[in-house]
Protein backbone atom coordinates (compact mmCIF):
# COMPACT_ATOMS: atom_id res chain seq x y z
CA UNK A 1 0.00 0.00 0.00
CA UNK A 2 1.31 3.45 -0.94
CA UNK A 3 0.68 6.01 1.80
CA UNK A 4 1.97 9.52 1.20
CA UNK A 5 2.04 12.59 3.39
CA UNK A 6 1.96 15.58 1.02
CA UNK A 7 3.58 18.43 2.85
CA UNK A 8 4.28 22.08 2.23
CA UNK A 9 3.34 25.59 3.18
CA UNK A 10 0.15 27.32 2.01
CA UNK A 11 0.43 27.97 -1.72
CA UNK A 12 3.06 25.29 -2.38
CA UNK A 13 0.73 23.43 -4.77
CA UNK A 14 -0.43 20.54 -2.59
CA UNK A 15 -4.00 20.62 -3.95
CA UNK A 16 -2.92 20.69 -7.59
CA UNK A 17 -0.29 18.00 -7.14
CA UNK A 18 -2.44 15.73 -4.98
CA UNK A 19 -4.97 15.51 -7.84
CA UNK A 20 -2.20 14.27 -10.14
CA UNK A 21 -0.89 11.77 -7.59
CA UNK A 22 -4.41 10.42 -7.02
CA UNK A 23 -4.90 9.94 -10.75
CA UNK A 24 -1.47 8.34 -11.33
CA UNK A 25 -1.44 5.95 -8.35
CA UNK A 26 -5.15 5.42 -7.56
CA UNK A 27 -4.83 6.85 -4.06
CA UNK A 28 -7.64 7.96 -1.75
CA UNK A 29 -7.32 11.65 -0.89
CA UNK A 30 -7.76 12.45 2.78
CA UNK A 31 -7.86 16.16 3.50
CA UNK A 32 -8.42 16.94 7.16
CA UNK A 33 -10.11 20.21 6.17
CA UNK A 34 -12.60 18.34 3.96
CA UNK A 35 -13.15 15.71 6.66
CA UNK A 36 -13.83 18.40 9.29
CA UNK A 37 -16.29 20.21 7.04
CA UNK A 38 -18.13 16.98 6.13
CA UNK A 39 -18.42 15.87 9.77
CA UNK A 40 -19.57 19.31 10.92
CA UNK A 41 -22.10 19.61 8.10
CA UNK A 42 -23.34 16.06 8.71
CA UNK A 43 -23.55 16.80 12.44
CA UNK A 44 -21.76 13.55 13.30
CA UNK A 45 -20.80 13.16 16.99
CA UNK A 46 -17.18 13.95 16.08
CA UNK A 47 -18.30 16.90 13.94
CA UNK A 48 -20.35 18.36 16.79
CA UNK A 49 -17.36 17.95 19.12
CA UNK A 50 -14.95 19.54 16.61
CA UNK A 51 -17.36 22.44 16.03
CA UNK A 52 -17.50 23.12 19.78
CA UNK A 53 -13.74 23.80 19.72
CA UNK A 54 -13.76 25.71 16.43
CA UNK A 55 -16.60 27.97 17.62
CA UNK A 56 -14.43 28.97 20.61
CA UNK A 57 -11.49 29.71 18.30
CA UNK A 58 -9.56 26.74 19.67
CA UNK A 59 -7.63 24.08 17.83
CA UNK A 60 -9.46 20.78 17.56
CA UNK A 61 -7.61 18.33 19.86
CA UNK A 62 -5.42 15.72 18.17
CA UNK A 63 -7.54 12.81 19.40
CA UNK A 64 -10.69 14.22 17.75
CA UNK A 65 -8.84 14.84 14.48
CA UNK A 66 -7.33 11.35 14.57
CA UNK A 67 -10.69 9.72 15.34
CA UNK A 68 -12.20 11.48 12.29
CA UNK A 69 -9.29 10.30 10.14
CA UNK A 70 -9.62 6.71 11.40
CA UNK A 71 -13.33 6.78 10.59
CA UNK A 72 -12.59 8.02 7.06
CA UNK A 73 -9.86 5.42 6.43
CA UNK A 74 -12.14 2.61 7.58
CA UNK A 75 -14.70 3.56 4.89
CA UNK A 76 -12.34 2.26 2.17
CA UNK A 77 -11.81 -1.46 1.60
CA UNK A 78 -8.63 -2.52 -0.23
CA UNK A 79 -7.41 0.93 -1.23
CA UNK A 80 -4.20 1.27 -3.25
CA UNK A 81 -3.16 3.74 -0.58
CA UNK A 82 -3.85 7.16 0.84
CA UNK A 83 -2.56 10.66 0.35
CA UNK A 84 -2.71 12.63 3.58
CA UNK A 85 -3.20 16.35 2.91
CA UNK A 86 -3.07 18.73 5.88
CA UNK A 87 -2.17 15.95 8.28
CA UNK A 88 -0.13 15.35 10.35
CA UNK A 89 0.51 18.91 11.53
CA UNK A 90 2.34 18.00 14.75
CA UNK A 91 4.73 15.29 15.90
CA UNK A 92 2.00 13.96 18.20
CA UNK A 93 -0.31 13.58 15.18
CA UNK A 94 2.49 11.87 13.22
CA UNK A 95 3.04 9.40 16.05
CA UNK A 96 -0.70 8.72 16.31
CA UNK A 97 -0.95 8.24 12.53
CA UNK A 98 1.96 5.76 12.61
CA UNK A 99 0.31 3.80 15.43
CA UNK A 100 -3.05 3.72 13.64
CA UNK A 101 -1.56 2.67 10.29
CA UNK A 102 0.50 0.00 12.04
CA UNK A 103 -2.74 -1.40 13.51
CA UNK A 104 -3.98 -1.61 9.90
CA UNK A 105 -0.80 -3.48 8.83
CA UNK A 106 0.50 -0.55 6.80
CA UNK A 107 2.69 2.55 7.23
CA UNK A 108 3.57 5.90 5.70
CA UNK A 109 5.69 5.24 2.60
CA UNK A 110 6.94 8.79 2.03
CA UNK A 111 6.58 12.35 3.14
CA UNK A 112 6.88 14.47 0.01
CA UNK A 113 7.61 18.08 0.94
CA UNK A 114 7.02 20.76 -1.68
CA UNK A 115 9.69 23.39 -1.00
CA UNK A 116 8.83 26.91 -2.19
CA UNK A 117 10.39 30.23 -1.15
CA UNK A 118 8.19 32.55 0.89
CA UNK A 119 8.03 35.34 -1.71
CA UNK A 120 6.83 32.87 -4.36
CA UNK A 121 4.18 31.55 -1.94
CA UNK A 122 2.83 35.08 -1.48
CA UNK A 123 2.62 35.59 -5.27
CA UNK A 124 0.86 32.23 -5.74
CA UNK A 125 -1.63 32.86 -2.95
CA UNK A 126 -2.48 36.30 -4.30
CA UNK A 127 -3.12 34.75 -7.75
CA UNK A 128 -5.22 31.99 -6.17
CA UNK A 129 -7.30 34.64 -4.39
CA UNK A 130 -8.07 36.28 -7.75
CA UNK A 131 -9.11 32.98 -9.32
CA UNK A 132 -10.89 31.25 -6.44
CA UNK A 133 -12.16 34.22 -4.47
CA UNK A 134 -10.70 32.76 -1.26
CA UNK A 135 -10.61 35.69 1.15
CA UNK A 136 -7.88 34.06 3.27
CA UNK A 137 -5.55 34.16 0.24
CA UNK A 138 -6.21 37.85 -0.50
CA UNK A 139 -5.10 39.39 2.80
CA UNK A 140 -1.28 39.76 3.05
CA UNK A 141 -1.46 39.75 6.87
CA UNK A 142 -3.41 36.47 6.89
CA UNK A 143 -0.98 34.97 4.36
CA UNK A 144 2.05 35.95 6.45
CA UNK A 145 0.42 34.50 9.57
CA UNK A 146 -0.41 31.21 7.82
CA UNK A 147 3.19 30.90 6.59
CA UNK A 148 4.52 31.75 10.08
CA UNK A 149 2.26 29.14 11.70
CA UNK A 150 3.44 26.57 9.14
CA UNK A 151 7.12 27.39 9.78
CA UNK A 152 6.77 27.36 13.57
CA UNK A 153 4.29 24.55 14.18
CA UNK A 154 4.06 22.27 11.16
CA UNK A 155 7.51 22.32 9.55
CA UNK A 156 9.07 20.47 12.55
CA UNK A 157 7.12 17.36 11.50
CA UNK A 158 9.74 17.00 8.71
CA UNK A 159 12.26 15.84 11.33
CA UNK A 160 9.89 13.06 12.41
CA UNK A 161 9.91 11.56 8.91
CA UNK A 162 13.60 12.36 8.32
CA UNK A 163 14.40 10.17 11.34
CA UNK A 164 12.47 7.33 9.62
CA UNK A 165 14.24 7.98 6.27
CA UNK A 166 10.86 8.69 4.66
CA UNK A 167 11.31 12.43 4.01
CA UNK A 168 11.84 13.61 0.42
CA UNK A 169 12.31 17.30 -0.37
CA UNK A 170 10.77 18.27 -3.71
CA UNK A 171 11.66 21.50 -5.50
CA UNK A 172 8.25 23.17 -5.78
CA UNK A 173 9.39 25.82 -8.27
CA UNK A 174 8.78 25.35 -11.99
CA UNK A 175 5.88 24.36 -14.17
CA UNK A 176 3.13 22.19 -12.74
CA UNK A 177 4.28 19.35 -15.03
CA UNK A 178 7.91 19.67 -13.91
CA UNK A 179 6.89 19.48 -10.25
CA UNK A 180 4.61 16.52 -10.96
CA UNK A 181 7.52 14.76 -12.68
CA UNK A 182 9.70 15.24 -9.59
CA UNK A 183 6.97 13.79 -7.37
CA UNK A 184 6.45 10.77 -9.65
CA UNK A 185 10.21 10.17 -9.73
CA UNK A 186 10.41 10.17 -5.91
CA UNK A 187 7.49 7.73 -5.62
CA UNK A 188 8.65 5.46 -8.44
CA UNK A 189 12.10 5.15 -6.85
CA UNK A 190 10.61 3.43 -3.77
């Protein structure tokens, strides 16, 4: 089973590239943002619990996030693998994901990290705001905060996968096809 953590700061191209990886390798896309929204909209017990934290402006605790992810994974029988998008965001989440996957007789195969310089991220996010109308991509202050949060809180997860020799840095600059080629090359060399 091919299980990939697709990693990178806001605007690195995770959404675009995950679509290509899903198509190429037949993976199931698991986006924690999508899972949260679906559980909240469906008013599942986990969604109601998550919403209670979100409504207070608090982070949803790891155990709630992980329980939602477990529920989503269990909906798929005999998948070719999963692409984890937006998860794990902390070392505690990475450890919990490893434990859960181990209980399913599988593991993370690779963490593919799209590396893009901060100035390029700002340009990409501004363009995405024009195209998609996402307000969070249009405000330079919000963009800088999202990048800062990524650098301070999420980027340290790289070390977790480096220690397992599963971390692969991918140059995220170039055409979409060039970046896709680099990702395919990293996966195909497993």
